[in-house]
C-alpha atoms as a PDB file:
ATOM      1  CA  PRO A   1      -0.198   0.029  -0.242  1.00  0.00           C
ATOM      2  CA  SER A   2       1.199   3.343  -0.390  1.00  0.00           C
ATOM      3  CA  PRO A   3       2.241   5.785   2.447  1.00  0.00           C
ATOM      4  CA  SER A   4      -0.729   8.220   1.839  1.00  0.00           C
ATOM      5  CA  ALA A   5      -3.366   5.094   2.033  1.00  0.00           C
ATOM      6  CA  ASP A   6      -1.536   3.835   4.810  1.00  0.00           C
ATOM      7  CA  SER A   7      -1.738   7.019   6.749  1.00  0.00           C
ATOM      8  CA  ASN A   8      -5.293   7.700   5.875  1.00  0.00           C
ATOM      9  CA  MET A   9      -6.196   4.411   7.413  1.00  0.00           C
ATOM     10  CA  VAL A  10      -4.061   5.112  10.835  1.00  0.00           C
ATOM     11  CA  ILE A  11      -5.900   8.543  10.856  1.00  0.00           C
ATOM     12  CA  ILE A  12      -9.418   7.220  10.166  1.00  0.00           C
ATOM     13  CA  ALA A  13      -8.615   4.441  12.587  1.00  0.00           C
ATOM     14  CA  ALA A  14      -7.934   7.076  15.604  1.00  0.00           C
ATOM     15  CA  LEU A  15     -10.869   9.084  14.955  1.00  0.00           C
ATOM     16  CA  VAL A  16     -12.665   5.800  15.052  1.00  0.00           C
ATOM     17  CA  VAL A  17     -11.491   5.088  18.231  1.00  0.00           C
ATOM     18  CA  PHE A  18     -11.326   8.528  19.334  1.00  0.00           C
ATOM     19  CA  GLY A  19     -14.867   8.902  18.888  1.00  0.00           C
ATOM     20  CA  ALA A  20     -15.701   5.773  20.533  1.00  0.00           C
ATOM     21  CA  VAL A  21     -14.037   6.764  23.708  1.00  0.00           C
ATOM     22  CA  ILE A  22     -16.259  10.092  23.885  1.00  0.00           C
ATOM     23  CA  ILE A  23     -19.600   8.168  23.369  1.00  0.00           C
ATOM     24  CA  ILE A  24     -18.437   5.721  25.764  1.00  0.00           C
ATOM     25  CA  GLY A  25     -16.989   8.345  28.265  1.00  0.00           C
ATOM     26  CA  ALA A  26     -20.672  10.353  27.688  1.00  0.00           C
ATOM     27  CA  VAL A  27     -22.900   7.474  28.462  1.00  0.00           C
ATOM     28  CA  VAL A  28     -20.817   6.511  31.335  1.00  0.00           C
ATOM     29  CA  ALA A  29     -21.016   9.958  32.721  1.00  0.00           C
ATOM     30  CA  PHE A  30     -24.721  10.042  31.839  1.00  0.00           C
ATOM     31  CA  MET A  31     -25.702   6.655  33.520  1.00  0.00           C
ATOM     32  CA  MET A  32     -23.575   7.674  36.592  1.00  0.00           C
ATOM     33  CA  LYS A  33     -25.464  11.115  36.850  1.00  0.00           C
ATOM     34  CA  ARG A  34     -28.688   9.406  36.550  1.00  0.00           C
ATOM     35  CA  ARG A  35     -27.843   6.901  39.563  1.00  0.00           C
ATOM     36  CA  ASN A  36     -26.381   9.340  41.759  1.00  0.00           C
ATOM     37  CA  THR A  37     -29.488  11.498  41.650  1.00  0.00           C
END
């Protein structure tokens, strides 16, 4: 594979992981808030 395609895949993978972490963190924070109140 060409370097540009490889870097694109790495960037896309990083974005997907970053987005998943944000979503999971938001869900966990939301659940904890609901449980505390």
